[in-house]
């Protein structure tokens, strides 16, 4: 899950490099830096992140590139993928 501005979004196409989220309603532009919290849907931990907006799709899909990804989340992502 990706939480930005107090709103949680389910991540799709996620990796250690970035993620795409849907239903993003805030006004942003490509190149904007966003911060928030990452967490697994069944986990109480909330780990901070920073990401750059790389793509905006019609309908509110937003592609992010991680700039500051917590090591714990990165390792867990790699374990899920690998």
PDB file of N, CA and C in Angstrom:
ATOM      1  N   UNK A   1       0.849  -1.178   0.000  1.00  0.00           N
ATOM      2  CA  UNK A   1       0.000   0.000   0.000  1.00  0.00           C
ATOM      3  C   UNK A   1       0.895   1.242   0.000  1.00  0.00           C
ATOM      4  N   UNK A   2       0.421   2.287  -0.670  1.00  0.00           N
ATOM      5  CA  UNK A   2       1.123   3.558  -0.725  1.00  0.00           C
ATOM      6  C   UNK A   2       0.184   4.613  -0.143  1.00  0.00           C
ATOM      7  N   UNK A   3       0.594   5.224   0.949  1.00  0.00           N
ATOM      8  CA  UNK A   3      -0.215   6.252   1.588  1.00  0.00           C
ATOM      9  C   UNK A   3       0.409   7.619   1.330  1.00  0.00           C
ATOM     10  N   UNK A   4      -0.372   8.508   0.723  1.00  0.00           N
ATOM     11  CA  UNK A   4       0.088   9.866   0.428  1.00  0.00           C
ATOM     12  C   UNK A   4      -1.008  10.821   0.874  1.00  0.00           C
ATOM     13  N   UNK A   5      -0.640  11.802   1.674  1.00  0.00           N
ATOM     14  CA  UNK A   5      -1.614  12.785   2.125  1.00  0.00           C
ATOM     15  C   UNK A   5      -2.748  12.204   2.931  1.00  0.00           C
ATOM     16  N   UNK A   6      -2.487  11.100   3.627  1.00  0.00           N
ATOM     17  CA  UNK A   6      -3.511  10.470   4.448  1.00  0.00           C
ATOM     18  C   UNK A   6      -4.436   9.524   3.703  1.00  0.00           C
ATOM     19  N   UNK A   7      -4.244   9.372   2.393  1.00  0.00           N
ATOM     20  CA  UNK A   7      -5.073   8.467   1.590  1.00  0.00           C
ATOM     21  C   UNK A   7      -4.258   7.261   1.157  1.00  0.00           C
ATOM     22  N   UNK A   8      -4.810   6.067   1.352  1.00  0.00           N
ATOM     23  CA  UNK A   8      -4.120   4.830   1.002  1.00  0.00           C
ATOM     24  C   UNK A   8      -4.495   4.406  -0.410  1.00  0.00           C
ATOM     25  N   UNK A   9      -3.500   3.971  -1.166  1.00  0.00           N
ATOM     26  CA  UNK A   9      -3.684   3.505  -2.536  1.00  0.00           C
ATOM     27  C   UNK A   9      -3.021   2.147  -2.677  1.00  0.00           C
ATOM     28  N   UNK A  10      -3.703   1.232  -3.334  1.00  0.00           N
ATOM     29  CA  UNK A  10      -3.114  -0.075  -3.602  1.00  0.00           C
ATOM     30  C   UNK A  10      -2.116   0.074  -4.747  1.00  0.00           C
ATOM     31  N   UNK A  11      -0.900  -0.375  -4.519  1.00  0.00           N
ATOM     32  CA  UNK A  11       0.140  -0.288  -5.537  1.00  0.00           C
ATOM     33  C   UNK A  11      -0.010  -1.429  -6.536  1.00  0.00           C
ATOM     34  N   UNK A  12       0.230  -1.110  -7.804  1.00  0.00           N
ATOM     35  CA  UNK A  12       0.276  -2.158  -8.827  1.00  0.00           C
ATOM     36  C   UNK A  12       1.583  -1.962  -9.583  1.00  0.00           C
ATOM     37  N   UNK A  13       2.032  -2.971 -10.245  1.00  0.00           N
ATOM     38  CA  UNK A  13       3.293  -2.898 -10.985  1.00  0.00           C
ATOM     39  C   UNK A  13       4.412  -2.353 -10.118  1.00  0.00           C
ATOM     40  N   UNK A  14       4.493  -2.819  -8.876  1.00  0.00           N
ATOM     41  CA  UNK A  14       5.507  -2.323  -7.964  1.00  0.00           C
ATOM     42  C   UNK A  14       6.805  -3.100  -8.102  1.00  0.00           C
ATOM     43  N   UNK A  15       7.874  -2.419  -7.785  1.00  0.00           N
ATOM     44  CA  UNK A  15       9.201  -3.037  -7.781  1.00  0.00           C
ATOM     45  C   UNK A  15      10.094  -2.213  -6.863  1.00  0.00           C
ATOM     46  N   UNK A  16      11.346  -2.601  -6.766  1.00  0.00           N
ATOM     47  CA  UNK A  16      12.303  -1.831  -5.984  1.00  0.00           C
ATOM     48  C   UNK A  16      12.609  -0.500  -6.662  1.00  0.00           C
ATOM     49  N   UNK A  17      12.191  -0.323  -7.923  1.00  0.00           N
ATOM     50  CA  UNK A  17      12.428   0.921  -8.645  1.00  0.00           C
ATOM     51  C   UNK A  17      11.283   1.904  -8.563  1.00  0.00           C
ATOM     52  N   UNK A  18      10.064   1.418  -8.348  1.00  0.00           N
ATOM     53  CA  UNK A  18       8.915   2.318  -8.311  1.00  0.00           C
ATOM     54  C   UNK A  18       7.616   1.547  -8.253  1.00  0.00           C
ATOM     55  N   UNK A  19       6.522   2.267  -8.464  1.00  0.00           N
ATOM     56  CA  UNK A  19       5.198   1.648  -8.420  1.00  0.00           C
ATOM     57  C   UNK A  19       4.217   2.502  -9.195  1.00  0.00           C
ATOM     58  N   UNK A  20       3.103   1.909  -9.539  1.00  0.00           N
ATOM     59  CA  UNK A  20       1.996   2.628 -10.136  1.00  0.00           C
ATOM     60  C   UNK A  20       0.821   2.512  -9.175  1.00  0.00           C
ATOM     61  N   UNK A  21       0.156   3.622  -8.934  1.00  0.00           N
ATOM     62  CA  UNK A  21      -1.029   3.602  -8.099  1.00  0.00           C
ATOM     63  C   UNK A  21      -2.188   4.183  -8.899  1.00  0.00           C
ATOM     64  N   UNK A  22      -3.390   3.759  -8.566  1.00  0.00           N
ATOM     65  CA  UNK A  22      -4.581   4.237  -9.271  1.00  0.00           C
ATOM     66  C   UNK A  22      -5.440   5.065  -8.339  1.00  0.00           C
ATOM     67  N   UNK A  23      -6.286   5.890  -8.927  1.00  0.00           N
ATOM     68  CA  UNK A  23      -7.232   6.667  -8.153  1.00  0.00           C
ATOM     69  C   UNK A  23      -6.615   7.823  -7.398  1.00  0.00           C
ATOM     70  N   UNK A  24      -5.521   8.356  -7.908  1.00  0.00           N
ATOM     71  CA  UNK A  24      -4.862   9.475  -7.237  1.00  0.00           C
ATOM     72  C   UNK A  24      -5.566  10.760  -7.630  1.00  0.00           C
ATOM     73  N   UNK A  25      -6.082  11.509  -6.655  1.00  0.00           N
ATOM     74  CA  UNK A  25      -6.938  12.652  -6.954  1.00  0.00           C
ATOM     75  C   UNK A  25      -6.255  14.011  -6.775  1.00  0.00           C
ATOM     76  N   UNK A  26      -5.080  14.053  -6.148  1.00  0.00           N
ATOM     77  CA  UNK A  26      -4.410  15.336  -5.939  1.00  0.00           C
ATOM     78  C   UNK A  26      -3.834  15.866  -7.248  1.00  0.00           C
ATOM     79  N   UNK A  27      -3.708  17.182  -7.331  1.00  0.00           N
ATOM     80  CA  UNK A  27      -3.092  17.815  -8.504  1.00  0.00           C
ATOM     81  C   UNK A  27      -1.577  17.705  -8.368  1.00  0.00           C
ATOM     82  N   UNK A  28      -0.959  16.981  -9.280  1.00  0.00           N
ATOM     83  CA  UNK A  28       0.491  16.840  -9.310  1.00  0.00           C
ATOM     84  C   UNK A  28       0.950  16.946 -10.758  1.00  0.00           C
ATOM     85  N   UNK A  29       2.237  17.139 -10.935  1.00  0.00           N
ATOM     86  CA  UNK A  29       2.828  17.211 -12.268  1.00  0.00           C
ATOM     87  C   UNK A  29       4.017  16.265 -12.325  1.00  0.00           C
ATOM     88  N   UNK A  30       4.367  15.859 -13.524  1.00  0.00           N
ATOM     89  CA  UNK A  30       5.556  15.028 -13.709  1.00  0.00           C
ATOM     90  C   UNK A  30       6.748  15.791 -13.146  1.00  0.00           C
ATOM     91  N   UNK A  31       7.554  15.082 -12.373  1.00  0.00           N
ATOM     92  CA  UNK A  31       8.720  15.683 -11.736  1.00  0.00           C
ATOM     93  C   UNK A  31       8.485  16.096 -10.296  1.00  0.00           C
ATOM     94  N   UNK A  32       7.209  16.184  -9.872  1.00  0.00           N
ATOM     95  CA  UNK A  32       6.926  16.502  -8.469  1.00  0.00           C
ATOM     96  C   UNK A  32       7.481  15.407  -7.566  1.00  0.00           C
ATOM     97  N   UNK A  33       7.905  15.798  -6.382  1.00  0.00           N
ATOM     98  CA  UNK A  33       8.377  14.853  -5.375  1.00  0.00           C
ATOM     99  C   UNK A  33       7.264  14.685  -4.346  1.00  0.00           C
ATOM    100  N   UNK A  34       6.879  13.436  -4.109  1.00  0.00           N
ATOM    101  CA  UNK A  34       5.847  13.105  -3.131  1.00  0.00           C
ATOM    102  C   UNK A  34       6.468  12.296  -2.003  1.00  0.00           C
ATOM    103  N   UNK A  35       5.902  12.415  -0.833  1.00  0.00           N
ATOM    104  CA  UNK A  35       6.340  11.581   0.287  1.00  0.00           C
ATOM    105  C   UNK A  35       5.113  11.008   0.970  1.00  0.00           C
ATOM    106  N   UNK A  36       5.338   9.961   1.701  1.00  0.00           N
ATOM    107  CA  UNK A  36       4.245   9.301   2.394  1.00  0.00           C
ATOM    108  C   UNK A  36       4.750   8.082   3.118  1.00  0.00           C
ATOM    109  N   UNK A  37       3.892   7.071   3.203  1.00  0.00           N
ATOM    110  CA  UNK A  37       4.244   5.832   3.900  1.00  0.00           C
ATOM    111  C   UNK A  37       3.924   4.625   3.026  1.00  0.00           C
ATOM    112  N   UNK A  38       4.758   3.619   3.138  1.00  0.00           N
ATOM    113  CA  UNK A  38       4.560   2.334   2.475  1.00  0.00           C
ATOM    114  C   UNK A  38       4.261   1.288   3.532  1.00  0.00           C
ATOM    115  N   UNK A  39       3.413   0.343   3.161  1.00  0.00           N
ATOM    116  CA  UNK A  39       3.154  -0.775   4.064  1.00  0.00           C
ATOM    117  C   UNK A  39       2.455  -1.890   3.311  1.00  0.00           C
ATOM    118  N   UNK A  40       2.574  -3.086   3.832  1.00  0.00           N
ATOM    119  CA  UNK A  40       1.844  -4.232   3.304  1.00  0.00           C
ATOM    120  C   UNK A  40       0.434  -4.161   3.866  1.00  0.00           C
ATOM    121  N   UNK A  41      -0.546  -4.610   3.131  1.00  0.00           N
ATOM    122  CA  UNK A  41      -1.952  -4.492   3.524  1.00  0.00           C
ATOM    123  C   UNK A  41      -2.234  -5.108   4.891  1.00  0.00           C
ATOM    124  N   UNK A  42      -1.537  -6.151   5.269  1.00  0.00           N
ATOM    125  CA  UNK A  42      -1.810  -6.824   6.542  1.00  0.00           C
ATOM    126  C   UNK A  42      -0.785  -6.491   7.626  1.00  0.00           C
ATOM    127  N   UNK A  43      -0.035  -5.393   7.447  1.00  0.00           N
ATOM    128  CA  UNK A  43       1.050  -5.031   8.357  1.00  0.00           C
ATOM    129  C   UNK A  43       0.745  -3.683   9.010  1.00  0.00           C
ATOM    130  N   UNK A  44       1.076  -3.547  10.276  1.00  0.00           N
ATOM    131  CA  UNK A  44       0.832  -2.293  10.996  1.00  0.00           C
ATOM    132  C   UNK A  44       1.965  -1.285  10.815  1.00  0.00           C
ATOM    133  N   UNK A  45       3.129  -1.738  10.337  1.00  0.00           N
ATOM    134  CA  UNK A  45       4.264  -0.821  10.142  1.00  0.00           C
ATOM    135  C   UNK A  45       3.956   0.184   9.044  1.00  0.00           C
ATOM    136  N   UNK A  46       4.401   1.394   9.232  1.00  0.00           N
ATOM    137  CA  UNK A  46       4.294   2.447   8.220  1.00  0.00           C
ATOM    138  C   UNK A  46       5.700   3.020   8.053  1.00  0.00           C
ATOM    139  N   UNK A  47       6.301   2.818   6.886  1.00  0.00           N
ATOM    140  CA  UNK A  47       7.672   3.267   6.641  1.00  0.00           C
ATOM    141  C   UNK A  47       7.659   4.400   5.629  1.00  0.00           C
ATOM    142  N   UNK A  48       8.346   5.483   5.947  1.00  0.00           N
ATOM    143  CA  UNK A  48       8.358   6.669   5.104  1.00  0.00           C
ATOM    144  C   UNK A  48       9.094   6.450   3.792  1.00  0.00           C
ATOM    145  N   UNK A  49       8.673   7.192   2.760  1.00  0.00           N
ATOM    146  CA  UNK A  49       9.328   7.139   1.456  1.00  0.00           C
ATOM    147  C   UNK A  49       9.265   8.512   0.806  1.00  0.00           C
ATOM    148  N   UNK A  50      10.088   8.701  -0.203  1.00  0.00           N
ATOM    149  CA  UNK A  50      10.001   9.844  -1.113  1.00  0.00           C
ATOM    150  C   UNK A  50      10.067   9.269  -2.522  1.00  0.00           C
ATOM    151  N   UNK A  51       9.296   9.862  -3.444  1.00  0.00           N
ATOM    152  CA  UNK A  51       9.251   9.358  -4.816  1.00  0.00           C
ATOM    153  C   UNK A  51       8.996  10.515  -5.776  1.00  0.00           C
ATOM    154  N   UNK A  52       9.475  10.336  -7.001  1.00  0.00           N
ATOM    155  CA  UNK A  52       9.262  11.310  -8.057  1.00  0.00           C
ATOM    156  C   UNK A  52       8.132  10.835  -8.964  1.00  0.00           C
ATOM    157  N   UNK A  53       7.247  11.758  -9.349  1.00  0.00           N
ATOM    158  CA  UNK A  53       6.171  11.440 -10.280  1.00  0.00           C
ATOM    159  C   UNK A  53       6.779  11.319 -11.677  1.00  0.00           C
ATOM    160  N   UNK A  54       6.625  10.150 -12.283  1.00  0.00           N
ATOM    161  CA  UNK A  54       7.215   9.889 -13.595  1.00  0.00           C
ATOM    162  C   UNK A  54       6.184   9.908 -14.720  1.00  0.00           C
ATOM    163  N   UNK A  55       4.937   9.559 -14.403  1.00  0.00           N
ATOM    164  CA  UNK A  55       3.901   9.481 -15.434  1.00  0.00           C
ATOM    165  C   UNK A  55       2.539   9.702 -14.798  1.00  0.00           C
ATOM    166  N   UNK A  56       1.684  10.400 -15.536  1.00  0.00           N
ATOM    167  CA  UNK A  56       0.287  10.601 -15.136  1.00  0.00           C
ATOM    168  C   UNK A  56      -0.586  10.055 -16.244  1.00  0.00           C
ATOM    169  N   UNK A  57      -1.480   9.146 -15.912  1.00  0.00           N
ATOM    170  CA  UNK A  57      -2.380   8.571 -16.908  1.00  0.00           C
ATOM    171  C   UNK A  57      -3.789   9.098 -16.693  1.00  0.00           C
ATOM    172  N   UNK A  58      -4.582   9.177 -17.771  1.00  0.00           N
ATOM    173  CA  UNK A  58      -5.987   9.562 -17.607  1.00  0.00           C
ATOM    174  C   UNK A  58      -6.670   8.625 -16.608  1.00  0.00           C
ATOM    175  N   UNK A  59      -7.529   9.167 -15.795  1.00  0.00           N
ATOM    176  CA  UNK A  59      -8.225   8.341 -14.817  1.00  0.00           C
ATOM    177  C   UNK A  59      -7.526   8.284 -13.473  1.00  0.00           C
ATOM    178  N   UNK A  60      -6.399   8.980 -13.328  1.00  0.00           N
ATOM    179  CA  UNK A  60      -5.765   9.069 -12.021  1.00  0.00           C
ATOM    180  C   UNK A  60      -4.674   8.073 -11.722  1.00  0.00           C
ATOM    181  N   UNK A  61      -4.199   7.321 -12.712  1.00  0.00           N
ATOM    182  CA  UNK A  61      -3.061   6.426 -12.456  1.00  0.00           C
ATOM    183  C   UNK A  61      -1.790   7.256 -12.429  1.00  0.00           C
ATOM    184  N   UNK A  62      -0.918   6.938 -11.498  1.00  0.00           N
ATOM    185  CA  UNK A  62       0.285   7.709 -11.240  1.00  0.00           C
ATOM    186  C   UNK A  62       1.462   6.755 -11.132  1.00  0.00           C
ATOM    187  N   UNK A  63       2.514   6.993 -11.909  1.00  0.00           N
ATOM    188  CA  UNK A  63       3.723   6.173 -11.828  1.00  0.00           C
ATOM    189  C   UNK A  63       4.765   6.917 -11.000  1.00  0.00           C
ATOM    190  N   UNK A  64       5.331   6.220 -10.032  1.00  0.00           N
ATOM    191  CA  UNK A  64       6.322   6.787  -9.127  1.00  0.00           C
ATOM    192  C   UNK A  64       7.656   6.083  -9.266  1.00  0.00           C
ATOM    193  N   UNK A  65       8.722   6.842  -9.103  1.00  0.00           N
ATOM    194  CA  UNK A  65      10.081   6.280  -9.015  1.00  0.00           C
ATOM    195  C   UNK A  65      10.583   6.583  -7.616  1.00  0.00           C
ATOM    196  N   UNK A  66      10.925   5.522  -6.873  1.00  0.00           N
ATOM    197  CA  UNK A  66      11.388   5.706  -5.498  1.00  0.00           C
ATOM    198  C   UNK A  66      12.677   6.513  -5.477  1.00  0.00           C
ATOM    199  N   UNK A  67      12.734   7.481  -4.598  1.00  0.00           N
ATOM    200  CA  UNK A  67      13.962   8.230  -4.344  1.00  0.00           C
ATOM    201  C   UNK A  67      14.558   7.829  -3.011  1.00  0.00           C
ATOM    202  N   UNK A  68      13.689   7.534  -2.068  1.00  0.00           N
ATOM    203  CA  UNK A  68      14.108   7.146  -0.727  1.00  0.00           C
ATOM    204  C   UNK A  68      13.189   6.013  -0.289  1.00  0.00           C
ATOM    205  N   UNK A  69      13.646   4.794  -0.496  1.00  0.00           N
ATOM    206  CA  UNK A  69      12.859   3.604  -0.188  1.00  0.00           C
ATOM    207  C   UNK A  69      13.452   2.931   1.040  1.00  0.00           C
ATOM    208  N   UNK A  70      12.667   2.719   2.095  1.00  0.00           N
ATOM    209  CA  UNK A  70      13.196   2.062   3.289  1.00  0.00           C
ATOM    210  C   UNK A  70      13.801   0.698   2.952  1.00  0.00           C
ATOM    211  N   UNK A  71      14.966   0.423   3.500  1.00  0.00           N
ATOM    212  CA  UNK A  71      15.665  -0.823   3.227  1.00  0.00           C
ATOM    213  C   UNK A  71      14.798  -2.037   3.554  1.00  0.00           C
ATOM    214  N   UNK A  72      14.058  -1.981   4.647  1.00  0.00           N
ATOM    215  CA  UNK A  72      13.212  -3.129   5.035  1.00  0.00           C
ATOM    216  C   UNK A  72      12.188  -3.440   3.949  1.00  0.00           C
ATOM    217  N   UNK A  73      11.537  -2.416   3.401  1.00  0.00           N
ATOM    218  CA  UNK A  73      10.550  -2.636   2.346  1.00  0.00           C
ATOM    219  C   UNK A  73      11.240  -3.134   1.080  1.00  0.00           C
ATOM    220  N   UNK A  74      12.385  -2.561   0.748  1.00  0.00           N
ATOM    221  CA  UNK A  74      13.118  -2.986  -0.449  1.00  0.00           C
ATOM    222  C   UNK A  74      13.474  -4.463  -0.374  1.00  0.00           C
ATOM    223  N   UNK A  75      13.967  -4.904   0.765  1.00  0.00           N
ATOM    224  CA  UNK A  75      14.329  -6.310   0.930  1.00  0.00           C
ATOM    225  C   UNK A  75      13.099  -7.207   0.846  1.00  0.00           C
ATOM    226  N   UNK A  76      11.997  -6.783   1.417  1.00  0.00           N
ATOM    227  CA  UNK A  76      10.773  -7.580   1.367  1.00  0.00           C
ATOM    228  C   UNK A  76      10.228  -7.647  -0.060  1.00  0.00           C
ATOM    229  N   UNK A  77      10.306  -6.534  -0.805  1.00  0.00           N
ATOM    230  CA  UNK A  77       9.877  -6.538  -2.211  1.00  0.00           C
ATOM    231  C   UNK A  77      10.712  -7.512  -3.018  1.00  0.00           C
ATOM    232  N   UNK A  78      12.025  -7.435  -2.842  1.00  0.00           N
ATOM    233  CA  UNK A  78      12.918  -8.332  -3.583  1.00  0.00           C
ATOM    234  C   UNK A  78      12.639  -9.786  -3.259  1.00  0.00           C
ATOM    235  N   UNK A  79      12.316 -10.073  -2.015  1.00  0.00           N
ATOM    236  CA  UNK A  79      11.990 -11.443  -1.617  1.00  0.00           C
ATOM    237  C   UNK A  79      10.688 -11.903  -2.270  1.00  0.00           C
ATOM    238  N   UNK A  80       9.710 -11.006  -2.382  1.00  0.00           N
ATOM    239  CA  UNK A  80       8.444 -11.344  -3.030  1.00  0.00           C
ATOM    240  C   UNK A  80       8.607 -11.584  -4.525  1.00  0.00           C
ATOM    241  N   UNK A  81       9.449 -10.768  -5.153  1.00  0.00           N
ATOM    242  CA  UNK A  81       9.656 -10.859  -6.599  1.00  0.00           C
ATOM    243  C   UNK A  81      10.518 -12.062  -6.951  1.00  0.00           C
ATOM    244  N   UNK A  82      11.593 -12.243  -6.172  1.00  0.00           N
ATOM    245  CA  UNK A  82      12.590 -13.251  -6.497  1.00  0.00           C
ATOM    246  C   UNK A  82      12.170 -14.607  -6.094  1.00  0.00           C
TER     247      UNK A  82
END
